[in-house]
Amino acid sequence: MATKSAHHGDNYINFEKGLWSWLTTVDHKRIGLMYMISVMFFFFVGGVMALLLRLELFAPNVTANVGQVLKNGDVYNQVLTYHGAIMVFMVIVPGIPAILGNFFLPLHLGAKDVAFPKINLASWYCFMAGAALAVLTFFFNKIDTGWTFYTPYSIRTGTATVMMVLGAFIMGMSSVLTGLNFIVTVHKLRAPGMTMHRMPLFVWALYSTAILQMLATPVLAITLLLLAAEKLFGVGIFDPALGGDPVLFQHFFWFYSHPAVYIMIIPAMGVVSELITTFSRKVIFGYTAIAYSSLGIAAVSFFVWGHHMFVSGQSETAGIIFSFLTMLVGVPTAIKMFNWVATLYKGSISFDSPMLFALGFLFLFAIGGVTGIMLATLPIDVHFHDTYFVVAHFHYVMVGGTLMALMGGFYYWFPKMFGKMFNENLARLSFVFIFIGFNVTFFPQFILGAMGMPRRYFDYIPAYETLNKVSTVGSWLILTGFLFGLYAIVQGIRKGPKASMNPWNSKTLEWQTSSPPPHDNFAVEPIVTAGPYEYR
């Protein structure tokens, strides 16, 4: 059972008391929990926006003002923009690295904390300041540019683009600080005996992500500053009326935002590697291949931004090169998929709720990946560009991938974070509703896209009505699933039975300390003598 640590509090939660001790903490575990609370709040806000969008699309508004949820197209565009911006910049990009990464990276490495604890706290304050600035625009002059802020519209619109863009800029700072911290921690604070090839795969994933955060985020920062300068001072970088080039903005934006997709998904793959090896009761198959494929995805991701721009007037040669490079991402990704399936093969699989989310990830991410290869094919992309097919593809990767892994990882590490167990049946129920609801919501959108329904429109012709109705009903199922999940988590924290040190019988280092961990993580410094998943 849990051992007492030598401090006045026996774990990190009651180590010090009072709100001030949380707001000034440099303990990576507490910072992880603060990120968790903020991200869950933004997830709720972004989710409400999504439900409003789906309600609006439940039926076509052929006669004005009948059955309209959002007053008009302008309001629809605003809700769409906030849904996208909140979910991307405040939920999915920070989600796994900031919550699970902050909490578990030092524990995985056998370290007492991250390399720069105060910078870690600063990254949370940057995140909160940027998010507050972005959300405040909702109360001043709502922006309606879409989350990509495409020029020339974002320069000419009278809305609070500059404020929103500065918010995203400050959140980017938070991302860079987190990445810096993770890289230095991995190189400098590993426990004795832990070589790079003895690190858990979740650490490899966070390490690859951190490299992306460090290299790609500054490009977004510069782009957003240029956009703000353009809007405030009329510099003429993106505005064609002043001799600028609006397509240049797309190049800049996607040069960051495509690697950002992998900032969202690589940590999720790391979580899935941990879940699959634990619940298959087997050493993971192809450890080295999975570890290096994370770095491979990170490397290739910098060369594929042009596939967002097949129809924006770039040369055919560029289109062909980008098409080829995009398909190349499928190689390291498939390496992971095959190794996960090989690990499952002949494993004694237990279908606990974290494993259900991991298997859900495999299924949904496979669909997201295959449709990605389709969209990388030039002639297909020309047909599907800016239709609901792209919306469905994106959500299968991001929600079906990242959020599934985040939920799975959260249930998996819940006993370690809070020292309590959650209600397993509620967690499984939440998975069933989220998984079914997700497919009911987004699969019809592939068909709608193939039929030619454009995205970002607040109205549509009656031919698209049935599938839109199905899609909207699916969104209610997803909501039900997340409400069950939230109830399971709150109930677990409040009244859950006490968790043992290692309820899943896992092999990695974080399970070798008490639940919840003491302030300094380990009573004695661990010494590593074997690989992360080997039976020692």
Protein backbone atom coordinates (compact mmCIF):
# COMPACT_ATOMS: atom_id res chain seq x y z
CA MET A 1 0.00 0.00 0.00
CA ALA A 2 0.95 3.67 -0.17
CA THR A 3 4.05 4.53 1.79
CA LYS A 4 4.34 7.78 3.73
CA SER A 5 6.90 10.24 2.41
CA ALA A 6 9.16 12.16 4.75
CA HIS A 7 7.26 15.46 4.38
CA HIS A 8 4.55 17.14 6.40
CA GLY A 9 2.02 16.08 3.78
CA ASP A 10 2.06 12.46 2.67
CA ASN A 11 1.35 13.25 -1.00
CA TYR A 12 1.50 16.11 -3.49
CA ILE A 13 -2.19 17.04 -3.06
CA ASN A 14 -2.02 17.79 0.69
CA PHE A 15 1.69 18.71 0.77
CA GLU A 16 0.68 22.36 1.22
CA LYS A 17 -2.77 23.77 1.86
CA GLY A 18 -4.66 26.70 0.39
CA LEU A 19 -5.35 28.19 -3.03
CA TRP A 20 -2.22 30.35 -2.96
CA SER A 21 -0.01 27.25 -2.61
CA TRP A 22 -1.56 25.96 -5.87
CA LEU A 23 -1.24 29.23 -7.78
CA THR A 24 2.46 29.54 -6.86
CA THR A 25 3.36 25.84 -7.00
CA VAL A 26 6.34 24.59 -8.96
CA ASP A 27 5.37 20.93 -8.53
CA HIS A 28 4.86 19.46 -12.02
CA LYS A 29 2.01 17.26 -10.74
CA ARG A 30 0.02 20.21 -9.42
CA ILE A 31 0.68 22.18 -12.62
CA GLY A 32 -0.62 19.18 -14.60
CA LEU A 33 -3.83 19.26 -12.54
CA MET A 34 -4.26 23.02 -13.07
CA TYR A 35 -3.89 22.46 -16.82
CA MET A 36 -6.46 19.68 -16.52
CA ILE A 37 -9.05 21.97 -14.91
CA SER A 38 -8.48 24.76 -17.47
CA VAL A 39 -8.52 22.43 -20.49
CA MET A 40 -11.69 20.71 -19.26
CA PHE A 41 -13.37 24.10 -18.90
CA PHE A 42 -12.41 25.13 -22.46
CA PHE A 43 -13.45 21.72 -23.74
CA PHE A 44 -16.89 22.33 -22.23
CA VAL A 45 -17.15 25.77 -23.89
CA GLY A 46 -15.93 24.48 -27.28
CA GLY A 47 -18.29 21.52 -26.99
CA VAL A 48 -21.30 23.75 -26.38
CA MET A 49 -20.36 25.70 -29.53
CA ALA A 50 -20.20 22.44 -31.51
CA LEU A 51 -23.66 21.42 -30.27
CA LEU A 52 -25.05 24.81 -31.32
CA LEU A 53 -23.55 24.36 -34.82
CA ARG A 54 -25.08 20.90 -35.15
CA LEU A 55 -28.46 22.18 -33.93
CA GLU A 56 -28.37 24.92 -36.57
CA LEU A 57 -27.62 22.29 -39.24
CA PHE A 58 -30.40 19.95 -38.07
CA ALA A 59 -32.64 21.25 -40.84
CA PRO A 60 -32.18 23.57 -43.82
CA ASN A 61 -33.61 27.04 -43.20
CA VAL A 62 -35.35 27.32 -46.54
CA THR A 63 -37.88 29.74 -45.12
CA ALA A 64 -36.17 32.48 -43.16
CA ASN A 65 -36.37 32.42 -39.34
CA VAL A 66 -38.00 28.99 -39.13
CA GLY A 67 -36.17 26.57 -36.87
CA GLN A 68 -33.10 28.75 -36.68
CA VAL A 69 -30.94 28.31 -33.60
CA LEU A 70 -28.31 30.89 -34.51
CA LYS A 71 -29.90 34.10 -35.76
CA ASN A 72 -28.07 34.34 -39.09
CA GLY A 73 -24.98 33.41 -41.05
CA ASP A 74 -22.86 35.96 -39.18
CA VAL A 75 -23.62 34.41 -35.79
CA TYR A 76 -23.00 30.96 -37.27
CA ASN A 77 -19.57 32.06 -38.51
CA GLN A 78 -18.71 33.45 -35.08
CA VAL A 79 -19.71 30.26 -33.27
CA LEU A 80 -17.80 28.21 -35.86
CA THR A 81 -14.68 30.33 -35.34
CA TYR A 82 -14.76 30.04 -31.55
CA HIS A 83 -15.46 26.30 -31.69
CA GLY A 84 -12.40 25.79 -33.91
CA ALA A 85 -10.06 28.20 -32.12
CA ILE A 86 -10.94 26.95 -28.62
CA MET A 87 -10.75 23.27 -29.52
CA VAL A 88 -7.45 23.60 -31.41
CA PHE A 89 -5.48 26.13 -29.37
CA MET A 90 -6.94 25.51 -25.90
CA VAL A 91 -7.89 21.82 -25.85
CA ILE A 92 -6.20 19.51 -28.32
CA VAL A 93 -2.75 21.13 -28.74
CA PRO A 94 -2.12 21.50 -24.99
CA GLY A 95 -4.30 18.53 -23.92
CA ILE A 96 -2.04 15.51 -23.55
CA PRO A 97 1.42 17.18 -23.21
CA ALA A 98 0.26 19.77 -20.66
CA ILE A 99 -1.90 17.47 -18.53
CA LEU A 100 -0.54 13.92 -18.73
CA GLY A 101 2.91 14.98 -19.99
CA ASN A 102 3.47 17.45 -17.17
CA PHE A 103 2.25 15.00 -14.59
CA PHE A 104 3.98 11.84 -15.77
CA LEU A 105 7.13 12.74 -17.73
CA PRO A 106 9.29 13.17 -14.56
CA LEU A 107 7.65 10.10 -12.97
CA HIS A 108 8.40 8.02 -16.09
CA LEU A 109 12.03 9.14 -15.98
CA GLY A 110 12.46 8.64 -12.24
CA ALA A 111 13.05 12.39 -11.77
CA LYS A 112 11.88 14.66 -8.94
CA ASP A 113 10.48 17.34 -11.24
CA VAL A 114 10.93 18.84 -14.70
CA ALA A 115 14.21 20.62 -15.47
CA PHE A 116 12.81 24.15 -15.02
CA PRO A 117 9.92 24.09 -12.51
CA LYS A 118 9.36 27.87 -12.53
CA ILE A 119 9.27 28.01 -16.34
CA ASN A 120 6.72 25.20 -16.12
CA LEU A 121 4.49 27.38 -13.93
CA ALA A 122 5.08 30.33 -16.28
CA SER A 123 3.85 28.20 -19.19
CA TRP A 124 0.52 27.67 -17.39
CA TYR A 125 0.18 31.41 -16.77
CA CYS A 126 1.00 32.11 -20.44
CA PHE A 127 -1.67 29.61 -21.45
CA MET A 128 -4.27 31.16 -19.17
CA ALA A 129 -3.41 34.73 -20.20
CA GLY A 130 -3.57 33.89 -23.93
CA ALA A 131 -6.78 31.94 -23.51
CA ALA A 132 -8.38 34.75 -21.47
CA LEU A 133 -7.44 37.29 -24.15
CA ALA A 134 -8.87 35.08 -26.92
CA VAL A 135 -12.10 34.33 -25.05
CA LEU A 136 -12.57 38.01 -24.13
CA THR A 137 -12.99 38.85 -27.83
CA PHE A 138 -16.32 37.03 -27.53
CA PHE A 139 -17.60 39.85 -25.32
CA PHE A 140 -16.16 42.74 -27.35
CA ASN A 141 -16.26 42.27 -31.06
CA LYS A 142 -16.76 38.61 -31.92
CA ILE A 143 -14.45 37.33 -34.64
CA ASP A 144 -15.83 35.43 -37.62
CA THR A 145 -12.79 34.53 -39.74
CA GLY A 146 -12.71 30.80 -38.99
CA TRP A 147 -9.93 29.43 -36.73
CA THR A 148 -7.39 29.72 -39.58
CA PHE A 149 -7.65 33.56 -39.79
CA TYR A 150 -7.29 33.49 -43.60
CA THR A 151 -6.32 36.73 -45.32
CA PRO A 152 -7.49 38.99 -46.91
CA TYR A 153 -10.76 38.62 -44.97
CA SER A 154 -9.11 38.63 -41.53
CA ILE A 155 -7.35 41.91 -42.40
CA ARG A 156 -10.47 43.68 -43.66
CA THR A 157 -13.11 42.44 -41.22
CA GLY A 158 -14.12 44.87 -38.50
CA THR A 159 -13.92 42.22 -35.76
CA ALA A 160 -11.40 41.77 -32.94
CA THR A 161 -8.92 39.72 -34.99
CA VAL A 162 -5.85 41.38 -33.46
CA MET A 163 -6.89 40.53 -29.90
CA MET A 164 -7.63 36.92 -30.82
CA VAL A 165 -4.35 36.59 -32.70
CA LEU A 166 -2.38 38.00 -29.74
CA GLY A 167 -4.14 35.46 -27.50
CA ALA A 168 -3.02 32.64 -29.81
CA PHE A 169 0.50 34.17 -29.84
CA ILE A 170 0.74 34.06 -26.02
CA MET A 171 -0.59 30.48 -25.94
CA GLY A 172 2.15 29.64 -28.45
CA MET A 173 4.69 30.91 -25.90
CA SER A 174 3.24 28.45 -23.40
CA SER A 175 3.67 25.64 -25.93
CA VAL A 176 7.34 26.56 -26.55
CA LEU A 177 8.13 26.72 -22.80
CA THR A 178 6.57 23.29 -22.23
CA GLY A 179 8.54 21.83 -25.16
CA LEU A 180 11.81 23.31 -23.91
CA ASN A 181 11.21 21.87 -20.45
CA PHE A 182 10.47 18.38 -21.78
CA ILE A 183 13.55 18.23 -24.02
CA VAL A 184 15.94 19.27 -21.24
CA THR A 185 14.23 16.96 -18.72
CA VAL A 186 14.59 13.96 -21.04
CA HIS A 187 18.29 14.65 -21.66
CA LYS A 188 19.35 15.67 -18.16
CA LEU A 189 17.13 14.13 -15.48
CA ARG A 190 16.79 10.44 -16.30
CA ALA A 191 17.23 8.07 -13.34
CA PRO A 192 20.48 6.06 -13.07
CA GLY A 193 20.45 3.21 -15.58
CA MET A 194 17.72 4.73 -17.75
CA THR A 195 19.20 5.01 -21.23
CA MET A 196 17.21 6.62 -24.07
CA HIS A 197 16.22 3.11 -25.14
CA ARG A 198 14.82 2.32 -21.72
CA MET A 199 12.42 5.25 -21.70
CA PRO A 200 8.70 4.47 -21.94
CA LEU A 201 7.21 5.14 -25.37
CA PHE A 202 5.03 7.90 -23.94
CA VAL A 203 8.26 9.78 -23.14
CA TRP A 204 9.52 9.26 -26.69
CA ALA A 205 6.24 10.67 -28.00
CA LEU A 206 6.43 13.73 -25.73
CA TYR A 207 10.08 14.24 -26.72
CA SER A 208 9.23 14.20 -30.45
CA THR A 209 6.30 16.55 -29.80
CA ALA A 210 8.52 18.93 -27.84
CA ILE A 211 10.88 19.20 -30.83
CA LEU A 212 7.90 20.14 -33.00
CA GLN A 213 6.69 22.68 -30.43
CA MET A 214 10.11 24.32 -30.31
CA LEU A 215 10.64 24.48 -34.09
CA ALA A 216 7.14 25.06 -35.49
CA THR A 217 5.45 27.37 -32.98
CA PRO A 218 7.76 30.38 -33.63
CA VAL A 219 6.63 30.31 -37.29
CA LEU A 220 3.01 30.67 -36.17
CA ALA A 221 4.06 33.45 -33.79
CA ILE A 222 5.72 35.42 -36.58
CA THR A 223 2.73 34.85 -38.88
CA LEU A 224 0.26 36.09 -36.27
CA LEU A 225 2.41 39.16 -35.52
CA LEU A 226 2.57 39.95 -39.25
CA LEU A 227 -1.20 39.61 -39.44
CA ALA A 228 -1.63 41.99 -36.49
CA ALA A 229 0.86 44.46 -38.03
CA GLU A 230 -0.97 44.25 -41.34
CA LYS A 231 -4.33 44.98 -39.71
CA LEU A 232 -3.09 47.77 -37.45
CA PHE A 233 -0.58 49.52 -39.73
CA GLY A 234 -1.49 48.37 -43.26
CA VAL A 235 2.02 47.05 -43.95
CA GLY A 236 1.02 45.26 -47.15
CA ILE A 237 2.46 41.77 -46.65
CA PHE A 238 -0.79 39.85 -47.22
CA ASP A 239 -3.11 42.49 -48.67
CA PRO A 240 -3.21 42.34 -52.50
CA ALA A 241 -4.46 45.96 -52.64
CA LEU A 242 -1.11 47.00 -51.14
CA GLY A 243 0.97 44.64 -53.26
CA GLY A 244 0.86 41.79 -50.74
CA ASP A 245 0.05 38.13 -51.31
CA PRO A 246 -2.79 36.46 -49.38
CA VAL A 247 -1.52 33.00 -50.35
CA LEU A 248 1.72 33.77 -48.50
CA PHE A 249 -0.32 33.78 -45.29
CA GLN A 250 -1.53 30.25 -46.10
CA HIS A 251 2.06 29.07 -46.59
CA PHE A 252 3.11 30.56 -43.27
CA PHE A 253 0.05 29.37 -41.41
CA TRP A 254 0.13 25.78 -42.61
CA PHE A 255 3.89 25.51 -42.16
CA TYR A 256 3.06 25.65 -38.46
CA SER A 257 -0.42 24.19 -38.46
CA HIS A 258 0.40 20.97 -40.21
CA PRO A 259 3.16 20.06 -37.75
CA ALA A 260 0.62 21.20 -35.12
CA VAL A 261 -1.62 18.33 -36.18
CA TYR A 262 1.22 16.03 -35.13
CA ILE A 263 1.73 18.03 -31.91
CA MET A 264 -1.85 16.91 -31.26
CA ILE A 265 -1.57 13.28 -32.35
CA ILE A 266 1.96 12.05 -31.45
CA PRO A 267 1.35 12.32 -27.67
CA ALA A 268 -1.91 10.40 -28.22
CA MET A 269 0.08 7.64 -29.93
CA GLY A 270 2.41 7.58 -26.93
CA VAL A 271 -0.54 7.07 -24.57
CA VAL A 272 -1.91 4.28 -26.77
CA SER A 273 1.47 2.48 -26.72
CA GLU A 274 1.33 2.46 -22.89
CA LEU A 275 -2.29 1.27 -22.77
CA ILE A 276 -1.86 -1.51 -25.31
CA THR A 277 1.22 -3.02 -23.69
CA THR A 278 -0.33 -2.86 -20.19
CA PHE A 279 -3.71 -4.36 -21.06
CA SER A 280 -2.32 -7.00 -23.44
CA ARG A 281 0.01 -8.15 -20.64
CA LYS A 282 2.86 -8.27 -23.16
CA VAL A 283 6.11 -6.45 -23.83
CA ILE A 284 5.35 -4.03 -26.64
CA PHE A 285 6.25 -5.34 -30.08
CA GLY A 286 8.91 -3.34 -31.96
CA TYR A 287 9.85 -0.85 -29.22
CA THR A 288 12.65 0.80 -31.23
CA ALA A 289 10.51 1.08 -34.37
CA ILE A 290 7.70 2.80 -32.44
CA ALA A 291 10.15 5.14 -30.67
CA TYR A 292 11.89 6.27 -33.86
CA SER A 293 8.67 6.47 -35.89
CA SER A 294 7.62 9.30 -33.52
CA LEU A 295 10.74 11.21 -34.56
CA GLY A 296 10.07 10.20 -38.19
CA ILE A 297 6.55 11.64 -38.14
CA ALA A 298 7.89 14.83 -36.55
CA ALA A 299 10.55 15.18 -39.27
CA VAL A 300 8.25 14.52 -42.25
CA SER A 301 5.53 16.82 -40.87
CA PHE A 302 7.57 19.90 -41.79
CA PHE A 303 7.44 19.07 -45.51
CA VAL A 304 3.75 18.53 -46.11
CA TRP A 305 2.05 21.89 -45.50
CA GLY A 306 1.34 22.38 -49.21
CA HIS A 307 -1.35 19.70 -49.28
CA HIS A 308 -3.68 22.28 -47.72
CA MET A 309 -3.12 24.41 -50.80
CA PHE A 310 -3.69 22.09 -53.77
CA VAL A 311 -6.35 24.45 -55.11
CA SER A 312 -4.75 27.76 -54.13
CA GLY A 313 -2.81 28.19 -57.35
CA GLN A 314 0.52 26.52 -56.57
CA SER A 315 2.26 24.85 -59.49
CA GLU A 316 1.37 21.31 -60.54
CA THR A 317 4.92 20.21 -59.75
CA ALA A 318 4.62 21.53 -56.19
CA GLY A 319 1.26 19.78 -55.86
CA ILE A 320 2.74 16.45 -56.96
CA ILE A 321 5.72 16.78 -54.59
CA PHE A 322 3.49 17.67 -51.64
CA SER A 323 1.13 14.83 -52.51
CA PHE A 324 4.02 12.35 -52.44
CA LEU A 325 5.48 13.72 -49.20
CA THR A 326 2.06 13.62 -47.53
CA MET A 327 1.70 9.94 -48.32
CA LEU A 328 5.13 9.43 -46.79
CA VAL A 329 3.68 10.31 -43.35
CA GLY A 330 1.66 7.11 -43.70
CA VAL A 331 4.86 5.05 -43.35
CA PRO A 332 5.91 5.85 -39.75
CA THR A 333 2.23 5.99 -38.78
CA ALA A 334 1.59 2.52 -40.20
CA ILE A 335 4.69 1.23 -38.38
CA LYS A 336 2.98 2.19 -35.13
CA MET A 337 -0.37 0.68 -36.13
CA PHE A 338 1.20 -2.65 -37.15
CA ASN A 339 3.28 -2.84 -33.98
CA TRP A 340 0.23 -2.16 -31.80
CA VAL A 341 -1.74 -4.88 -33.58
CA ALA A 342 1.25 -7.25 -33.25
CA THR A 343 1.33 -6.50 -29.51
CA LEU A 344 -2.37 -7.34 -29.23
CA TYR A 345 -1.81 -10.62 -31.09
CA LYS A 346 -1.91 -13.53 -28.61
CA GLY A 347 -1.91 -11.13 -25.67
CA SER A 348 -4.13 -11.86 -22.68
CA ILE A 349 -6.22 -8.74 -23.30
CA SER A 350 -8.33 -7.27 -20.52
CA PHE A 351 -11.06 -4.90 -21.68
CA ASP A 352 -10.80 -2.31 -18.94
CA SER A 353 -12.06 1.16 -19.85
CA PRO A 354 -8.59 2.59 -20.72
CA MET A 355 -8.09 -0.31 -23.15
CA LEU A 356 -11.51 0.29 -24.72
CA PHE A 357 -10.47 3.87 -25.49
CA ALA A 358 -7.17 2.61 -26.93
CA LEU A 359 -8.98 0.16 -29.22
CA GLY A 360 -11.44 2.92 -30.16
CA PHE A 361 -8.42 5.04 -31.06
CA LEU A 362 -7.05 2.28 -33.36
CA PHE A 363 -10.35 1.99 -35.21
CA LEU A 364 -11.08 5.71 -35.60
CA PHE A 365 -7.50 6.73 -36.30
CA ALA A 366 -7.28 4.08 -39.04
CA ILE A 367 -10.29 5.68 -40.77
CA GLY A 368 -8.77 9.14 -40.26
CA GLY A 369 -5.46 7.96 -41.70
CA VAL A 370 -6.90 6.24 -44.77
CA THR A 371 -9.07 9.25 -45.63
CA GLY A 372 -5.94 11.37 -45.18
CA ILE A 373 -4.18 9.36 -47.88
CA MET A 374 -7.25 9.90 -50.08
CA LEU A 375 -7.08 13.65 -49.54
CA ALA A 376 -3.35 13.61 -50.31
CA THR A 377 -4.22 12.36 -53.79
CA LEU A 378 -4.43 15.43 -56.04
CA PRO A 379 -7.52 14.67 -58.18
CA ILE A 380 -9.52 13.42 -55.19
CA ASP A 381 -8.56 16.45 -53.13
CA VAL A 382 -9.67 18.86 -55.84
CA HIS A 383 -13.13 17.29 -55.64
CA PHE A 384 -13.28 17.05 -51.82
CA HIS A 385 -11.56 20.35 -50.99
CA ASP A 386 -13.60 22.51 -48.61
CA THR A 387 -16.38 19.94 -48.33
CA TYR A 388 -17.61 18.03 -45.31
CA PHE A 389 -15.31 15.16 -46.29
CA VAL A 390 -12.39 17.21 -44.96
CA VAL A 391 -14.33 18.04 -41.77
CA ALA A 392 -14.97 14.35 -41.17
CA HIS A 393 -11.34 13.39 -41.89
CA PHE A 394 -10.04 16.06 -39.52
CA HIS A 395 -12.38 15.03 -36.70
CA TYR A 396 -11.59 11.33 -37.11
CA VAL A 397 -7.91 12.12 -36.57
CA MET A 398 -8.26 14.79 -33.88
CA VAL A 399 -11.31 13.73 -31.87
CA GLY A 400 -11.25 10.04 -32.76
CA GLY A 401 -7.48 10.04 -32.21
CA THR A 402 -6.39 12.61 -29.66
CA LEU A 403 -9.49 12.82 -27.46
CA MET A 404 -9.92 9.05 -27.35
CA ALA A 405 -6.30 8.70 -26.19
CA LEU A 406 -6.69 11.55 -23.70
CA MET A 407 -9.72 9.87 -22.15
CA GLY A 408 -8.00 6.47 -22.14
CA GLY A 409 -4.83 7.91 -20.61
CA PHE A 410 -6.82 9.83 -18.05
CA TYR A 411 -8.68 6.72 -16.85
CA TYR A 412 -5.44 4.72 -16.91
CA TRP A 413 -3.48 7.17 -14.73
CA PHE A 414 -6.46 8.32 -12.65
CA PRO A 415 -5.58 5.98 -9.70
CA LYS A 416 -2.01 7.33 -9.71
CA MET A 417 -3.13 10.98 -9.91
CA PHE A 418 -5.78 10.87 -7.18
CA GLY A 419 -5.13 7.66 -5.25
CA LYS A 420 -8.75 6.59 -5.86
CA MET A 421 -10.48 4.23 -8.29
CA PHE A 422 -13.34 5.36 -10.54
CA ASN A 423 -16.51 3.43 -11.34
CA GLU A 424 -15.45 1.08 -14.15
CA ASN A 425 -18.99 0.52 -15.43
CA LEU A 426 -19.63 4.26 -15.80
CA ALA A 427 -16.32 4.67 -17.64
CA ARG A 428 -17.21 1.85 -20.05
CA LEU A 429 -20.64 3.37 -20.59
CA SER A 430 -19.01 6.71 -21.43
CA PHE A 431 -16.82 4.93 -23.99
CA VAL A 432 -19.81 3.23 -25.65
CA PHE A 433 -21.72 6.50 -26.03
CA ILE A 434 -18.69 8.50 -27.21
CA PHE A 435 -17.61 5.83 -29.71
CA ILE A 436 -21.05 5.20 -31.22
CA GLY A 437 -21.97 8.89 -31.11
CA PHE A 438 -18.73 9.86 -32.79
CA ASN A 439 -19.29 7.52 -35.73
CA VAL A 440 -22.93 8.53 -36.04
CA THR A 441 -21.86 12.19 -36.09
CA PHE A 442 -18.92 12.14 -38.45
CA PHE A 443 -19.32 9.17 -40.78
CA PRO A 444 -22.34 10.71 -42.57
CA GLN A 445 -20.15 13.78 -43.16
CA PHE A 446 -17.88 11.72 -45.44
CA ILE A 447 -20.94 10.95 -47.56
CA LEU A 448 -22.14 14.57 -47.43
CA GLY A 449 -18.70 15.70 -48.59
CA ALA A 450 -18.68 13.21 -51.45
CA MET A 451 -22.12 14.52 -52.42
CA GLY A 452 -20.61 18.00 -52.53
CA MET A 453 -21.84 19.73 -49.38
CA PRO A 454 -19.44 22.62 -48.70
CA ARG A 455 -18.15 23.16 -45.17
CA ARG A 456 -18.58 26.38 -43.15
CA TYR A 457 -22.04 27.03 -44.67
CA PHE A 458 -24.89 27.70 -42.26
CA ASP A 459 -27.55 26.54 -44.69
CA TYR A 460 -27.85 23.79 -47.30
CA ILE A 461 -30.16 22.37 -49.96
CA PRO A 462 -32.82 19.81 -48.87
CA ALA A 463 -30.91 16.92 -50.52
CA TYR A 464 -28.45 16.98 -47.59
CA GLU A 465 -31.10 17.04 -44.86
CA THR A 466 -31.33 13.39 -43.76
CA LEU A 467 -27.60 12.88 -43.21
CA ASN A 468 -27.35 16.20 -41.36
CA LYS A 469 -30.14 15.09 -39.03
CA VAL A 470 -28.28 11.82 -38.34
CA SER A 471 -25.08 13.77 -37.71
CA THR A 472 -26.78 16.08 -35.22
CA VAL A 473 -28.32 13.17 -33.28
CA GLY A 474 -24.80 11.70 -33.06
CA SER A 475 -23.57 14.87 -31.38
CA TRP A 476 -26.13 14.36 -28.58
CA LEU A 477 -24.80 10.82 -28.05
CA ILE A 478 -21.25 12.20 -27.73
CA LEU A 479 -22.52 14.72 -25.15
CA THR A 480 -24.17 11.90 -23.17
CA GLY A 481 -20.90 9.94 -23.24
CA PHE A 482 -18.84 12.84 -21.91
CA LEU A 483 -21.41 13.52 -19.18
CA PHE A 484 -21.11 9.88 -18.02
CA GLY A 485 -17.32 10.27 -18.15
CA LEU A 486 -17.40 13.47 -16.12
CA TYR A 487 -19.70 11.84 -13.55
CA ALA A 488 -17.34 8.84 -13.29
CA ILE A 489 -14.36 11.14 -12.71
CA VAL A 490 -16.04 13.43 -10.14
CA GLN A 491 -17.56 10.45 -8.34
CA GLY A 492 -14.15 8.72 -8.33
CA ILE A 493 -12.37 11.76 -6.87
CA ARG A 494 -15.05 12.26 -4.21
CA LYS A 495 -16.00 8.76 -3.12
CA GLY A 496 -13.88 6.28 -5.06
CA PRO A 497 -12.32 3.33 -3.19
CA LYS A 498 -8.61 3.73 -2.36
CA ALA A 499 -6.32 2.70 -5.22
CA SER A 500 -3.37 0.39 -4.71
CA MET A 501 0.13 1.37 -5.84
CA ASN A 502 -0.20 -0.48 -9.14
CA PRO A 503 -3.84 -1.42 -9.89
CA TRP A 504 -3.17 -2.36 -13.55
CA ASN A 505 -0.01 -4.34 -12.81
CA SER A 506 1.99 -2.06 -15.15
CA LYS A 507 5.75 -2.09 -15.52
CA THR A 508 6.79 1.56 -15.92
CA LEU A 509 8.38 3.61 -13.12
CA GLU A 510 5.41 5.79 -12.14
CA TRP A 511 3.71 2.67 -10.71
CA GLN A 512 6.67 2.03 -8.36
CA THR A 513 5.71 4.94 -6.10
CA SER A 514 2.69 5.50 -3.86
CA SER A 515 -0.72 6.63 -5.16
CA PRO A 516 -1.01 9.63 -5.21
CA PRO A 517 2.76 10.26 -5.45
CA PRO A 518 4.64 12.13 -2.71
CA HIS A 519 5.82 15.69 -3.33
CA ASP A 520 9.26 14.49 -4.48
CA ASN A 521 7.81 11.61 -6.56
CA PHE A 522 9.96 8.81 -5.13
CA ALA A 523 10.95 8.05 -1.53
CA VAL A 524 14.23 6.57 -2.86
CA GLU A 525 15.76 7.35 -6.24
CA PRO A 526 14.87 4.46 -8.58
CA ILE A 527 17.63 2.58 -10.41
CA VAL A 528 16.65 1.17 -13.80
CA THR A 529 17.98 -2.23 -14.80
CA ALA A 530 15.70 -3.30 -17.67
CA GLY A 531 13.57 -1.98 -20.53
CA PRO A 532 10.33 -0.15 -19.68
CA TYR A 533 7.96 -3.07 -20.25
CA GLU A 534 10.13 -6.03 -19.26
CA TYR A 535 9.21 -8.24 -16.34
CA ARG A 536 11.94 -7.63 -13.77
